[in-house]
Amino acid sequence: MKDMITVYCDSLQGFYDCEPGMTIGELSRKIDTGCGYPVVAALVDNMLKELTFPIYTPHTIKFLDCTHPDGRRTYSRSLSFVLQKAAVDMFPDLQLFLDYTLPNGLYGELRRPVGNDAFVTETAGADKVGTLRKRMEELIRADLPFEKTKMTNDEAAALFRRNGRSEKAALVADMEKFFVSVYLLDGYADTFYGPLLERTGQIDVFDLIPYSEGFCLQAPSASDPSVISPYKYQDKLSAVFKENSEWCSILGAHGIGSVNESVKKGQARELIAVAESLHERKYVKIADMIHDRRDKVKLVLIAGPSSSGKTTTSKRIALQCKVLGLNPLVIAMDDYFLNREKTPRDANGEYDFESIYALDLPFLGAQLNDLFDGKEVELPKYDFVKGERHFDGRRMRMKEGDILIMEGIHALNPELTKHIDGEKVFRVFASALTSLSVDENNYISTADNRLLRRMVRDNFTRGITPEETILRWKSVRAGEEKNIFPFQENADVMFNSALLFELPLLRYYAEPLLERIPPLSEAYAESVRLRKFLSYITPLTPDEIDCIPPTSVMREFIGGSTFEY
């Protein structure tokens, strides 16, 4: 009889003996995993692993379903691989590009090669999308295995060049490793930057719907993986991603591989200068829009998720408004909180400070209307230690050319301004909406981008450890999903604060922070994932970082800004 291997199962809060070589998937089908939905991956000694991972030594194991972020990413990667295989099967003369995340899915396009690594988009339409979906369903019913193998970097790069994946080939060729993991589905090869499912048959919930010139690939809902969240078309958001794609094209960057190549060629300074100039043009355009409506607009509201750079955005817009003869006045939304005892409570009986009803909306509306009418008002000041509002003699009156600027998480919520004339309000949504991809078929999460920004800023300016930032991130994201994203299409204009050079910049600062997180920490698995992602990026040097202007949105996170925060 073989010697048994003892593992500690997190869900059982106890030990289990298994035969050497048993896979995590086989074990999950023998015991109570504690998951409410099918198991899709596992944390093995705090490291994310596929269910095909074999057990030969003792481990601590935590099973994951699609309600866990790592489980959801595993499912989504597998689903996108099935889409890639379907595209190769049905449209071999076209190439699939998965570009960016939409609120309820992943946007992709079919493009035709036109030479010199250039492509033109072919409108997918309902017919092509239907053909792709039907082929995906066939591949799923076939219950094919996702196979994992190792290749040398040169072998993998040559394979991807033959398949027309130049971005992927460049990225693989530059990796700081001798071997790369390659996944196979029915003979079709690709790389992914995280584990996949065991078999295609484990994909039981998905949809593929026409969107713009391409399509949206939908995975299960995070709260209930048995269903897909209803899709809400958000044309303004999609337009911003399209604009970012055009900016990337202007700079000759279609993926991390081409950005890495530019940095290695010593072109980082030019990349920084052009990217910042594109930002400046957008600030000017927004200020022009406000100026054009100056006879009506009295209040500019700016909202955005965590680490979107909305504070710098508001200051840069204010500067451009001054150039046009307007005089921006800042009002702090936080000063209009209700006194602590009047704050609404959440389902757990705790004060819900993120609720819009934690603000004194009638009082805010009354003060704004008085200011619009030219009256002088005494502005409140909120004492967060005592949890109460007081007045310290600060007064404000609007004169000709004055315009109010206010930022906050509720800035786009109609409830905030229900007591004032809507025509007097101009709304801005700011976020880091990068459309830069890792390669043709692996996108960069905008949430990951913002998490890295926040981690660097928290450590630099607030003394918060990277571990704490990661552990708080789930709560931060939940607040964004509730209070910000549902209202983003209410914006008059969206500002994309992403910069093409920021990932090389963030690697320089974030990688050493992530390396501090110990293996036993609850944040360790996430730190490993982020470190792996950053390992594909060539970092900027200190001399190149010095070239970033002091008014750049990135100075809000790394320091050295001429603005006060």
Protein backbone atom coordinates (compact mmCIF):
# COMPACT_ATOMS: atom_id res chain seq x y z
CA MET A 1 0.00 0.00 0.00
CA LYS A 2 1.31 3.44 -0.91
CA ASP A 3 2.18 5.84 1.87
CA MET A 4 -0.65 8.30 2.19
CA ILE A 5 -0.17 12.08 1.98
CA THR A 6 -1.81 14.18 4.67
CA VAL A 7 -3.25 17.53 3.66
CA TYR A 8 -5.04 20.16 5.72
CA CYS A 9 -8.35 21.17 4.12
CA ASP A 10 -9.36 24.68 5.00
CA SER A 11 -13.08 24.00 4.49
CA LEU A 12 -13.02 20.95 6.76
CA GLN A 13 -10.85 22.67 9.35
CA GLY A 14 -9.11 19.33 9.56
CA PHE A 15 -6.83 16.79 7.91
CA TYR A 16 -7.42 14.35 5.08
CA ASP A 17 -5.28 11.47 3.81
CA CYS A 18 -4.95 10.98 0.05
CA GLU A 19 -2.91 8.81 -2.28
CA PRO A 20 0.27 10.32 -3.77
CA GLY A 21 -0.42 11.83 -7.18
CA MET A 22 -4.10 12.52 -6.53
CA THR A 23 -5.00 15.83 -8.15
CA ILE A 24 -6.65 18.73 -6.39
CA GLY A 25 -9.69 18.20 -8.64
CA GLU A 26 -9.98 14.53 -7.65
CA LEU A 27 -9.73 15.47 -3.99
CA SER A 28 -12.43 18.13 -4.41
CA ARG A 29 -14.83 15.48 -5.67
CA LYS A 30 -14.24 13.24 -2.65
CA ILE A 31 -14.77 15.67 0.22
CA ASP A 32 -16.97 18.55 1.29
CA THR A 33 -15.12 21.55 -0.12
CA GLY A 34 -17.30 24.11 1.63
CA CYS A 35 -17.96 25.87 -1.70
CA GLY A 36 -21.49 26.85 -2.62
CA TYR A 37 -20.77 26.42 -6.34
CA PRO A 38 -18.53 24.08 -8.41
CA VAL A 39 -14.85 24.19 -7.49
CA VAL A 40 -12.72 25.78 -10.22
CA ALA A 41 -9.30 26.25 -8.58
CA ALA A 42 -7.54 26.07 -5.21
CA LEU A 43 -5.06 27.89 -3.03
CA VAL A 44 -2.33 25.39 -2.19
CA ASP A 45 -0.11 26.74 0.58
CA ASN A 46 -1.49 30.16 -0.38
CA MET A 47 -0.48 29.70 -4.04
CA LEU A 48 -3.14 29.56 -6.76
CA LYS A 49 -3.15 26.19 -8.55
CA GLU A 50 -5.15 24.38 -11.23
CA LEU A 51 -7.31 21.45 -10.24
CA THR A 52 -4.88 19.25 -12.22
CA PHE A 53 -2.14 19.99 -9.67
CA PRO A 54 -0.92 16.63 -8.23
CA ILE A 55 -0.40 16.08 -4.51
CA TYR A 56 2.93 14.50 -3.56
CA THR A 57 3.72 16.33 -0.33
CA PRO A 58 1.64 17.71 2.57
CA HIS A 59 -0.20 20.95 1.82
CA THR A 60 -2.80 23.32 3.17
CA ILE A 61 -5.62 23.57 0.62
CA LYS A 62 -8.44 26.05 0.19
CA PHE A 63 -10.92 25.29 -2.60
CA LEU A 64 -12.30 28.17 -4.69
CA ASP A 65 -15.49 28.66 -6.68
CA CYS A 66 -16.48 31.57 -8.93
CA THR A 67 -17.50 33.79 -6.01
CA HIS A 68 -13.80 34.14 -5.20
CA PRO A 69 -11.86 36.61 -7.42
CA ASP A 70 -9.20 34.01 -8.27
CA GLY A 71 -11.87 31.44 -9.05
CA ARG A 72 -13.69 33.91 -11.29
CA ARG A 73 -10.47 34.77 -13.14
CA THR A 74 -9.74 31.05 -13.66
CA TYR A 75 -13.20 30.54 -15.17
CA SER A 76 -12.91 33.66 -17.36
CA ARG A 77 -9.47 32.68 -18.70
CA SER A 78 -10.80 29.26 -19.66
CA LEU A 79 -13.86 30.79 -21.30
CA SER A 80 -11.73 33.18 -23.34
CA PHE A 81 -9.55 30.25 -24.48
CA VAL A 82 -12.67 28.50 -25.80
CA LEU A 83 -13.57 31.69 -27.67
CA GLN A 84 -10.07 31.85 -29.15
CA LYS A 85 -10.29 28.26 -30.34
CA ALA A 86 -13.73 28.91 -31.84
CA ALA A 87 -12.39 31.96 -33.69
CA VAL A 88 -9.47 29.96 -35.12
CA ASP A 89 -11.83 27.19 -36.22
CA MET A 90 -14.50 29.37 -37.81
CA PHE A 91 -12.57 32.41 -39.06
CA PRO A 92 -8.99 31.23 -39.77
CA ASP A 93 -8.26 34.27 -41.96
CA LEU A 94 -9.08 36.68 -39.12
CA GLN A 95 -7.49 37.22 -35.71
CA LEU A 96 -9.24 37.56 -32.39
CA PHE A 97 -8.23 40.44 -30.10
CA LEU A 98 -9.56 40.64 -26.54
CA ASP A 99 -9.15 44.31 -25.74
CA TYR A 100 -10.62 45.44 -22.43
CA THR A 101 -13.15 44.81 -19.69
CA LEU A 102 -16.66 46.22 -19.86
CA PRO A 103 -18.97 46.39 -16.81
CA ASN A 104 -20.50 42.98 -17.59
CA GLY A 105 -17.92 41.28 -19.74
CA LEU A 106 -14.86 41.33 -21.97
CA TYR A 107 -14.83 43.23 -25.27
CA GLY A 108 -13.27 41.56 -28.30
CA GLU A 109 -12.97 42.08 -32.05
CA LEU A 110 -12.12 40.09 -35.18
CA ARG A 111 -9.42 41.82 -37.23
CA ARG A 112 -7.93 41.12 -40.63
CA PRO A 113 -4.13 41.27 -41.07
CA VAL A 114 -3.03 43.87 -43.64
CA GLY A 115 0.74 43.45 -43.31
CA ASN A 116 3.55 44.74 -41.07
CA ASP A 117 1.70 43.67 -37.90
CA ALA A 118 -1.20 45.96 -38.86
CA PHE A 119 -4.88 44.98 -38.70
CA VAL A 120 -8.26 46.36 -39.65
CA THR A 121 -11.39 45.53 -37.66
CA GLU A 122 -14.13 43.56 -39.39
CA THR A 123 -17.54 44.30 -37.95
CA ALA A 124 -18.66 41.07 -36.33
CA GLY A 125 -22.42 41.48 -36.52
CA ALA A 126 -25.04 39.04 -35.28
CA ASP A 127 -24.15 36.35 -37.83
CA LYS A 128 -20.46 36.08 -36.95
CA VAL A 129 -21.22 36.32 -33.22
CA GLY A 130 -23.80 33.56 -33.57
CA THR A 131 -21.30 31.38 -35.43
CA LEU A 132 -18.71 31.88 -32.69
CA ARG A 133 -21.21 31.13 -29.91
CA LYS A 134 -22.38 27.94 -31.63
CA ARG A 135 -18.79 26.69 -32.02
CA MET A 136 -18.05 27.54 -28.36
CA GLU A 137 -21.07 25.46 -27.31
CA GLU A 138 -19.76 22.54 -29.40
CA LEU A 139 -16.31 22.74 -27.78
CA ILE A 140 -17.89 22.86 -24.33
CA ARG A 141 -20.13 19.84 -25.02
CA ALA A 142 -17.07 17.91 -26.24
CA ASP A 143 -15.62 18.24 -22.70
CA LEU A 144 -12.07 18.70 -23.99
CA PRO A 145 -9.11 18.92 -21.58
CA PHE A 146 -7.07 22.07 -21.07
CA GLU A 147 -3.55 20.68 -21.31
CA LYS A 148 -0.50 22.41 -19.87
CA THR A 149 3.04 21.92 -21.14
CA LYS A 150 6.43 23.60 -20.92
CA MET A 151 8.39 25.09 -23.83
CA THR A 152 11.59 27.06 -24.06
CA ASN A 153 11.05 30.76 -24.63
CA ASP A 154 12.45 30.45 -28.15
CA GLU A 155 10.16 27.53 -29.02
CA ALA A 156 7.08 29.35 -27.69
CA ALA A 157 8.00 32.63 -29.40
CA ALA A 158 8.48 30.83 -32.73
CA LEU A 159 5.13 29.08 -32.31
CA PHE A 160 3.29 32.34 -31.68
CA ARG A 161 5.00 34.08 -34.60
CA ARG A 162 3.77 31.28 -36.87
CA ASN A 163 0.26 31.84 -35.50
CA GLY A 164 0.50 35.59 -36.22
CA ARG A 165 0.64 36.57 -32.53
CA SER A 166 3.47 39.08 -32.73
CA GLU A 167 2.73 40.81 -29.39
CA LYS A 168 2.67 37.49 -27.57
CA ALA A 169 5.84 36.33 -29.32
CA ALA A 170 7.69 39.54 -28.35
CA LEU A 171 6.55 39.27 -24.75
CA VAL A 172 7.55 35.61 -24.43
CA ALA A 173 10.93 36.20 -26.07
CA ASP A 174 11.77 38.93 -23.53
CA MET A 175 10.75 36.99 -20.42
CA GLU A 176 13.38 36.65 -17.73
CA LYS A 177 12.97 32.86 -17.70
CA PHE A 178 14.20 29.90 -19.76
CA PHE A 179 10.83 28.14 -20.00
CA VAL A 180 7.22 29.24 -20.38
CA SER A 181 3.97 27.41 -19.63
CA VAL A 182 1.85 26.89 -22.74
CA TYR A 183 -1.75 25.66 -22.70
CA LEU A 184 -3.29 23.49 -25.42
CA LEU A 185 -6.94 23.11 -26.37
CA ASP A 186 -7.55 20.54 -29.10
CA GLY A 187 -4.08 21.28 -30.47
CA TYR A 188 -4.40 25.09 -30.34
CA ALA A 189 -1.71 26.75 -28.18
CA ASP A 190 -1.76 29.91 -26.09
CA THR A 191 -0.31 31.39 -22.92
CA PHE A 192 -2.25 32.59 -19.90
CA TYR A 193 -1.04 34.37 -16.81
CA GLY A 194 -2.87 32.16 -14.34
CA PRO A 195 -4.47 28.69 -14.13
CA LEU A 196 -7.31 27.27 -16.23
CA LEU A 197 -10.10 24.78 -15.55
CA GLU A 198 -9.59 21.04 -16.04
CA ARG A 199 -11.95 20.65 -19.00
CA THR A 200 -14.20 22.70 -21.28
CA GLY A 201 -17.25 20.86 -19.90
CA GLN A 202 -16.88 22.74 -16.63
CA ILE A 203 -18.00 25.91 -18.42
CA ASP A 204 -21.74 25.93 -17.92
CA VAL A 205 -22.64 29.64 -17.86
CA PHE A 206 -21.61 32.20 -20.49
CA ASP A 207 -22.91 34.38 -23.29
CA LEU A 208 -21.50 36.12 -26.34
CA ILE A 209 -23.42 39.17 -27.55
CA PRO A 210 -22.80 41.70 -30.35
CA TYR A 211 -21.34 44.98 -29.12
CA SER A 212 -20.10 47.92 -31.18
CA GLU A 213 -17.92 46.50 -33.98
CA GLY A 214 -17.17 43.35 -32.00
CA PHE A 215 -18.74 41.44 -29.15
CA CYS A 216 -18.91 41.12 -25.40
CA LEU A 217 -17.96 37.82 -23.76
CA GLN A 218 -19.95 37.41 -20.54
CA ALA A 219 -18.97 35.19 -17.62
CA PRO A 220 -21.06 34.31 -14.53
CA SER A 221 -22.13 36.93 -12.02
CA ALA A 222 -19.73 37.38 -9.11
CA SER A 223 -22.56 37.19 -6.57
CA ASP A 224 -24.41 34.27 -8.17
CA PRO A 225 -22.25 32.22 -10.58
CA SER A 226 -25.29 30.28 -11.77
CA VAL A 227 -26.47 33.29 -13.80
CA ILE A 228 -25.13 36.10 -15.96
CA SER A 229 -25.70 39.65 -14.83
CA PRO A 230 -28.07 41.59 -17.14
CA TYR A 231 -26.03 43.57 -19.64
CA LYS A 232 -26.25 47.34 -19.62
CA TYR A 233 -24.93 49.07 -22.72
CA GLN A 234 -22.61 51.93 -21.72
CA ASP A 235 -21.69 53.76 -24.88
CA LYS A 236 -19.77 56.58 -23.20
CA LEU A 237 -17.52 54.10 -21.41
CA SER A 238 -16.96 52.14 -24.61
CA ALA A 239 -16.04 55.37 -26.44
CA VAL A 240 -13.38 56.13 -23.82
CA PHE A 241 -11.81 52.70 -24.31
CA LYS A 242 -11.86 53.27 -28.07
CA GLU A 243 -10.15 56.62 -27.57
CA ASN A 244 -7.46 54.97 -25.45
CA SER A 245 -6.91 52.39 -28.19
CA GLU A 246 -6.37 55.24 -30.63
CA TRP A 247 -3.89 56.85 -28.23
CA CYS A 248 -2.01 53.55 -28.03
CA SER A 249 -1.93 53.41 -31.83
CA ILE A 250 -0.53 56.96 -31.98
CA LEU A 251 2.30 55.81 -29.73
CA GLY A 252 2.78 52.56 -31.65
CA ALA A 253 1.88 50.44 -28.62
CA HIS A 254 -0.61 47.61 -28.93
CA GLY A 255 0.52 45.53 -25.97
CA ILE A 256 3.04 45.26 -23.16
CA GLY A 257 5.57 43.72 -25.56
CA SER A 258 5.75 46.84 -27.73
CA VAL A 259 5.89 49.12 -24.66
CA ASN A 260 8.76 47.02 -23.30
CA GLU A 261 10.54 47.34 -26.62
CA SER A 262 10.21 51.14 -26.54
CA VAL A 263 11.56 51.31 -22.99
CA LYS A 264 14.49 49.04 -23.83
CA LYS A 265 15.33 51.19 -26.85
CA GLY A 266 15.62 54.25 -24.62
CA GLN A 267 12.38 55.81 -25.86
CA ALA A 268 10.73 56.10 -22.41
CA ARG A 269 11.21 59.88 -22.21
CA GLU A 270 9.43 60.37 -25.52
CA LEU A 271 6.68 57.97 -24.42
CA ILE A 272 6.17 60.01 -21.25
CA ALA A 273 6.13 63.32 -23.12
CA VAL A 274 3.59 62.22 -25.75
CA ALA A 275 1.33 60.46 -23.23
CA GLU A 276 1.26 63.55 -21.00
CA SER A 277 0.53 65.75 -24.04
CA LEU A 278 -2.47 63.57 -24.90
CA HIS A 279 -3.72 64.07 -21.34
CA GLU A 280 -3.25 67.81 -21.63
CA ARG A 281 -5.34 67.91 -24.80
CA LYS A 282 -8.16 66.14 -22.96
CA TYR A 283 -8.01 68.57 -20.02
CA VAL A 284 -8.22 71.46 -22.48
CA LYS A 285 -11.18 69.86 -24.27
CA ILE A 286 -13.09 69.40 -21.00
CA ALA A 287 -12.40 72.99 -19.93
CA ASP A 288 -13.60 74.18 -23.35
CA MET A 289 -16.86 72.25 -22.87
CA ILE A 290 -17.38 73.90 -19.47
CA HIS A 291 -16.55 77.34 -20.89
CA ASP A 292 -18.99 76.86 -23.77
CA ARG A 293 -21.76 76.33 -21.20
CA ARG A 294 -20.61 79.06 -18.82
CA ASP A 295 -23.93 80.93 -19.07
CA LYS A 296 -25.69 77.99 -17.44
CA VAL A 297 -23.11 75.77 -15.69
CA LYS A 298 -22.28 76.81 -12.12
CA LEU A 299 -21.10 73.50 -10.65
CA VAL A 300 -18.62 70.90 -11.93
CA LEU A 301 -18.95 67.49 -10.24
CA ILE A 302 -16.12 64.97 -10.54
CA ALA A 303 -16.45 61.31 -9.58
CA GLY A 304 -14.27 58.25 -9.99
CA PRO A 305 -13.30 55.01 -8.28
CA SER A 306 -10.38 54.62 -5.90
CA SER A 307 -7.01 55.71 -7.30
CA SER A 308 -8.53 57.05 -10.50
CA GLY A 309 -6.58 60.29 -10.10
CA LYS A 310 -9.72 62.38 -9.73
CA THR A 311 -8.03 64.88 -7.36
CA THR A 312 -5.32 65.71 -9.90
CA THR A 313 -7.93 65.64 -12.66
CA SER A 314 -10.02 68.26 -10.83
CA LYS A 315 -6.96 70.47 -10.31
CA ARG A 316 -5.84 70.18 -13.94
CA ILE A 317 -9.34 70.98 -15.21
CA ALA A 318 -9.47 73.94 -12.82
CA LEU A 319 -6.18 75.28 -14.25
CA GLN A 320 -7.49 75.04 -17.80
CA CYS A 321 -10.70 76.80 -16.74
CA LYS A 322 -8.58 79.64 -15.35
CA VAL A 323 -6.82 79.94 -18.70
CA LEU A 324 -10.26 80.56 -20.24
CA GLY A 325 -11.12 83.28 -17.72
CA LEU A 326 -13.19 81.23 -15.30
CA ASN A 327 -12.47 81.25 -11.56
CA PRO A 328 -12.83 77.77 -10.00
CA LEU A 329 -13.91 77.57 -6.34
CA VAL A 330 -13.58 74.26 -4.49
CA ILE A 331 -16.26 72.88 -2.18
CA ALA A 332 -15.52 69.70 -0.19
CA MET A 333 -18.35 67.18 -0.37
CA ASP A 334 -17.14 65.54 2.85
CA ASP A 335 -18.03 68.69 4.80
CA TYR A 336 -21.71 67.96 4.20
CA PHE A 337 -21.87 64.71 6.16
CA LEU A 338 -24.69 64.35 8.65
CA ASN A 339 -23.80 64.36 12.33
CA ARG A 340 -22.76 60.88 13.39
CA GLU A 341 -25.97 59.98 15.25
CA LYS A 342 -28.06 60.71 12.13
CA THR A 343 -25.92 58.59 9.81
CA PRO A 344 -27.82 55.64 8.26
CA ARG A 345 -26.78 52.12 9.22
CA ASP A 346 -26.08 49.11 7.04
CA ALA A 347 -27.53 45.59 7.30
CA ASN A 348 -25.09 44.79 10.13
CA GLY A 349 -26.15 47.79 12.17
CA GLU A 350 -22.91 49.66 11.48
CA TYR A 351 -22.78 53.29 10.33
CA ASP A 352 -22.85 53.34 6.52
CA PHE A 353 -20.57 56.28 5.73
CA GLU A 354 -20.53 55.39 2.02
CA SER A 355 -24.30 55.77 1.65
CA ILE A 356 -25.34 58.90 -0.20
CA TYR A 357 -27.83 59.45 2.61
CA ALA A 358 -24.90 59.92 4.99
CA LEU A 359 -24.77 63.39 3.39
CA ASP A 360 -27.12 66.20 4.36
CA LEU A 361 -28.59 66.51 0.87
CA PRO A 362 -31.24 69.20 1.57
CA PHE A 363 -28.65 71.42 3.32
CA LEU A 364 -26.16 70.94 0.46
CA GLY A 365 -28.84 71.77 -2.11
CA ALA A 366 -29.90 74.88 -0.19
CA GLN A 367 -26.32 76.19 0.03
CA LEU A 368 -25.68 75.55 -3.65
CA ASN A 369 -28.87 77.34 -4.68
CA ASP A 370 -27.93 80.30 -2.49
CA LEU A 371 -24.50 80.45 -4.10
CA PHE A 372 -26.01 80.23 -7.59
CA ASP A 373 -28.27 83.18 -6.68
CA GLY A 374 -25.26 85.27 -5.67
CA LYS A 375 -25.89 85.04 -1.93
CA GLU A 376 -23.10 84.69 0.62
CA VAL A 377 -23.06 81.45 2.61
CA GLU A 378 -21.04 80.22 5.57
CA LEU A 379 -19.43 76.93 4.57
CA PRO A 380 -19.53 74.00 7.00
CA LYS A 381 -16.51 72.07 8.26
CA TYR A 382 -16.88 68.44 9.28
CA ASP A 383 -14.98 67.12 12.31
CA PHE A 384 -14.46 63.41 11.61
CA VAL A 385 -13.10 62.74 15.10
CA LYS A 386 -16.21 64.13 16.85
CA GLY A 387 -18.52 63.11 14.01
CA GLU A 388 -20.24 66.46 13.78
CA ARG A 389 -20.50 69.52 11.55
CA HIS A 390 -19.47 72.97 12.72
CA PHE A 391 -18.83 76.43 11.25
CA ASP A 392 -15.53 78.30 11.53
CA GLY A 393 -16.35 81.54 9.72
CA ARG A 394 -15.36 80.50 6.18
CA ARG A 395 -17.70 82.31 3.80
CA MET A 396 -18.22 82.18 0.06
CA ARG A 397 -20.08 84.24 -2.55
CA MET A 398 -20.03 83.51 -6.29
CA LYS A 399 -19.15 86.39 -8.62
CA GLU A 400 -19.20 86.69 -12.39
CA GLY A 401 -16.93 84.01 -13.89
CA ASP A 402 -16.85 81.88 -10.72
CA ILE A 403 -17.54 78.16 -11.01
CA LEU A 404 -17.80 75.60 -8.22
CA ILE A 405 -15.86 72.32 -8.34
CA MET A 406 -16.75 69.39 -6.10
CA GLU A 407 -15.45 65.82 -6.20
CA GLY A 408 -16.61 62.69 -4.41
CA ILE A 409 -17.89 59.15 -4.83
CA HIS A 410 -21.51 60.31 -5.16
CA ALA A 411 -20.88 63.13 -7.63
CA LEU A 412 -22.75 61.41 -10.48
CA ASN A 413 -25.67 60.12 -8.39
CA PRO A 414 -28.83 62.10 -9.33
CA GLU A 415 -29.86 62.10 -5.66
CA LEU A 416 -26.97 64.44 -4.88
CA THR A 417 -28.34 67.24 -7.06
CA LYS A 418 -32.08 66.64 -6.87
CA HIS A 419 -32.54 69.93 -5.00
CA ILE A 420 -30.89 72.08 -7.72
CA ASP A 421 -31.41 72.84 -11.41
CA GLY A 422 -29.71 70.06 -13.39
CA GLU A 423 -28.75 72.42 -16.24
CA LYS A 424 -26.38 74.18 -13.85
CA VAL A 425 -24.32 71.02 -13.36
CA PHE A 426 -21.48 69.59 -15.49
CA ARG A 427 -20.44 66.05 -14.57
CA VAL A 428 -17.05 64.39 -15.10
CA PHE A 429 -16.22 60.71 -14.58
CA ALA A 430 -12.51 59.94 -14.15
CA SER A 431 -10.90 56.51 -14.09
CA ALA A 432 -7.80 54.65 -15.29
CA LEU A 433 -9.41 52.86 -18.24
CA THR A 434 -6.42 51.32 -19.98
CA SER A 435 -7.02 49.39 -23.19
CA LEU A 436 -3.38 48.31 -23.34
CA SER A 437 -3.22 44.50 -23.35
CA VAL A 438 -0.65 42.01 -22.12
CA ASP A 439 -0.87 40.54 -25.63
CA GLU A 440 -3.53 39.83 -28.26
CA ASN A 441 -5.64 37.58 -26.04
CA ASN A 442 -4.82 38.65 -22.47
CA TYR A 443 -6.18 41.96 -21.29
CA ILE A 444 -5.07 44.14 -18.37
CA SER A 445 -7.66 44.63 -15.66
CA THR A 446 -8.37 48.29 -14.95
CA ALA A 447 -8.98 47.30 -11.31
CA ASP A 448 -5.46 45.80 -11.09
CA ASN A 449 -4.05 49.01 -12.49
CA ARG A 450 -5.81 51.05 -9.81
CA LEU A 451 -4.85 48.60 -7.05
CA LEU A 452 -1.17 49.06 -7.91
CA ARG A 453 -1.59 52.84 -7.90
CA ARG A 454 -3.30 52.74 -4.51
CA MET A 455 -0.70 50.42 -3.03
CA VAL A 456 2.15 52.73 -4.02
CA ARG A 457 0.32 55.85 -2.81
CA ASP A 458 -0.84 54.29 0.48
CA ASN A 459 2.68 53.20 1.33
CA PHE A 460 4.29 56.47 0.25
CA THR A 461 1.89 59.03 1.73
CA ARG A 462 -0.20 57.23 4.35
CA GLY A 463 2.07 54.64 5.91
CA ILE A 464 -0.28 51.80 4.96
CA THR A 465 1.40 48.47 4.16
CA PRO A 466 0.81 46.78 0.78
CA GLU A 467 -0.70 43.86 2.70
CA GLU A 468 -3.33 46.15 4.26
CA THR A 469 -4.12 47.71 0.88
CA ILE A 470 -4.75 44.32 -0.71
CA LEU A 471 -6.92 43.12 2.17
CA ARG A 472 -9.03 46.29 2.05
CA TRP A 473 -9.44 46.17 -1.72
CA LYS A 474 -12.47 43.83 -1.73
CA SER A 475 -14.42 46.27 0.42
CA VAL A 476 -13.28 49.21 -1.70
CA ARG A 477 -14.43 47.46 -4.88
CA ALA A 478 -17.80 46.59 -3.33
CA GLY A 479 -18.35 50.27 -2.54
CA GLU A 480 -17.47 51.26 -6.10
CA GLU A 481 -19.90 48.72 -7.56
CA LYS A 482 -22.65 50.13 -5.37
CA ASN A 483 -22.01 53.87 -5.38
CA ILE A 484 -20.00 54.81 -8.47
CA PHE A 485 -20.21 52.49 -11.48
CA PRO A 486 -24.06 52.43 -11.73
CA PHE A 487 -23.99 56.20 -12.36
CA GLN A 488 -20.94 56.62 -14.61
CA GLU A 489 -23.01 57.02 -17.80
CA ASN A 490 -24.59 60.14 -16.22
CA ALA A 491 -21.33 61.97 -16.90
CA ASP A 492 -21.19 64.71 -19.51
CA VAL A 493 -17.64 63.64 -20.24
CA MET A 494 -15.33 60.81 -19.20
CA PHE A 495 -11.65 61.37 -18.54
CA ASN A 496 -9.31 58.42 -18.89
CA SER A 497 -6.44 58.95 -16.46
CA ALA A 498 -4.47 55.90 -17.68
CA LEU A 499 -1.00 56.64 -19.07
CA LEU A 500 0.89 54.33 -21.37
CA PHE A 501 4.08 54.49 -19.31
CA GLU A 502 2.46 53.90 -15.93
CA LEU A 503 2.85 50.11 -15.72
CA PRO A 504 6.64 50.34 -16.26
CA LEU A 505 6.55 53.10 -13.64
CA LEU A 506 4.42 51.10 -11.20
CA ARG A 507 6.62 48.04 -11.51
CA TYR A 508 9.56 50.10 -10.23
CA TYR A 509 7.62 51.10 -7.10
CA ALA A 510 5.17 48.24 -6.51
CA GLU A 511 7.32 45.16 -7.01
CA PRO A 512 9.52 45.74 -3.90
CA LEU A 513 6.37 46.39 -1.85
CA LEU A 514 4.75 43.14 -2.97
CA GLU A 515 7.90 41.18 -2.16
CA ARG A 516 7.51 42.19 1.50
CA ILE A 517 4.24 40.25 1.92
CA PRO A 518 5.02 37.00 3.77
CA PRO A 519 3.80 33.57 2.52
CA LEU A 520 1.44 33.06 5.47
CA SER A 521 -0.40 36.33 4.86
CA GLU A 522 -3.96 36.26 3.49
CA ALA A 523 -2.71 38.73 0.89
CA TYR A 524 0.13 36.48 -0.31
CA ALA A 525 -1.71 34.76 -3.19
CA GLU A 526 -2.76 38.14 -4.58
CA SER A 527 0.78 39.47 -4.21
CA VAL A 528 2.12 36.50 -6.19
CA ARG A 529 -0.42 37.11 -8.96
CA LEU A 530 0.46 40.80 -9.19
CA ARG A 531 4.20 40.08 -9.10
CA LYS A 532 3.80 37.58 -11.94
CA PHE A 533 1.89 40.17 -13.96
CA LEU A 534 4.55 42.83 -13.29
CA SER A 535 7.34 40.43 -14.24
CA TYR A 536 6.31 40.81 -17.90
CA ILE A 537 6.88 44.57 -17.77
CA THR A 538 10.21 46.37 -18.24
CA PRO A 539 10.51 48.96 -15.44
CA LEU A 540 11.48 52.60 -15.87
CA THR A 541 14.79 53.79 -14.45
CA PRO A 542 15.02 56.57 -11.80
CA ASP A 543 16.33 58.97 -14.46
CA GLU A 544 13.33 58.24 -16.68
CA ILE A 545 10.94 58.65 -13.73
CA ASP A 546 12.43 62.10 -13.10
CA CYS A 547 11.11 63.12 -16.54
CA ILE A 548 7.48 62.72 -15.41
CA PRO A 549 6.04 66.26 -15.08
CA PRO A 550 5.21 67.51 -11.55
CA THR A 551 1.59 68.05 -12.68
CA SER A 552 1.16 64.47 -13.95
CA VAL A 553 -1.66 62.41 -12.49
CA MET A 554 0.97 59.80 -11.59
CA ARG A 555 2.59 62.28 -9.17
CA GLU A 556 -0.53 61.85 -7.03
CA PHE A 557 0.72 58.30 -6.34
CA ILE A 558 4.52 58.48 -6.41
CA GLY A 559 5.03 61.98 -4.97
CA GLY A 560 6.76 65.03 -6.39
CA SER A 561 3.59 66.86 -7.44
CA THR A 562 3.31 70.63 -7.48
CA PHE A 563 -0.30 70.23 -6.34
CA GLU A 564 -1.32 69.93 -2.70
CA TYR A 565 -3.44 66.90 -1.78
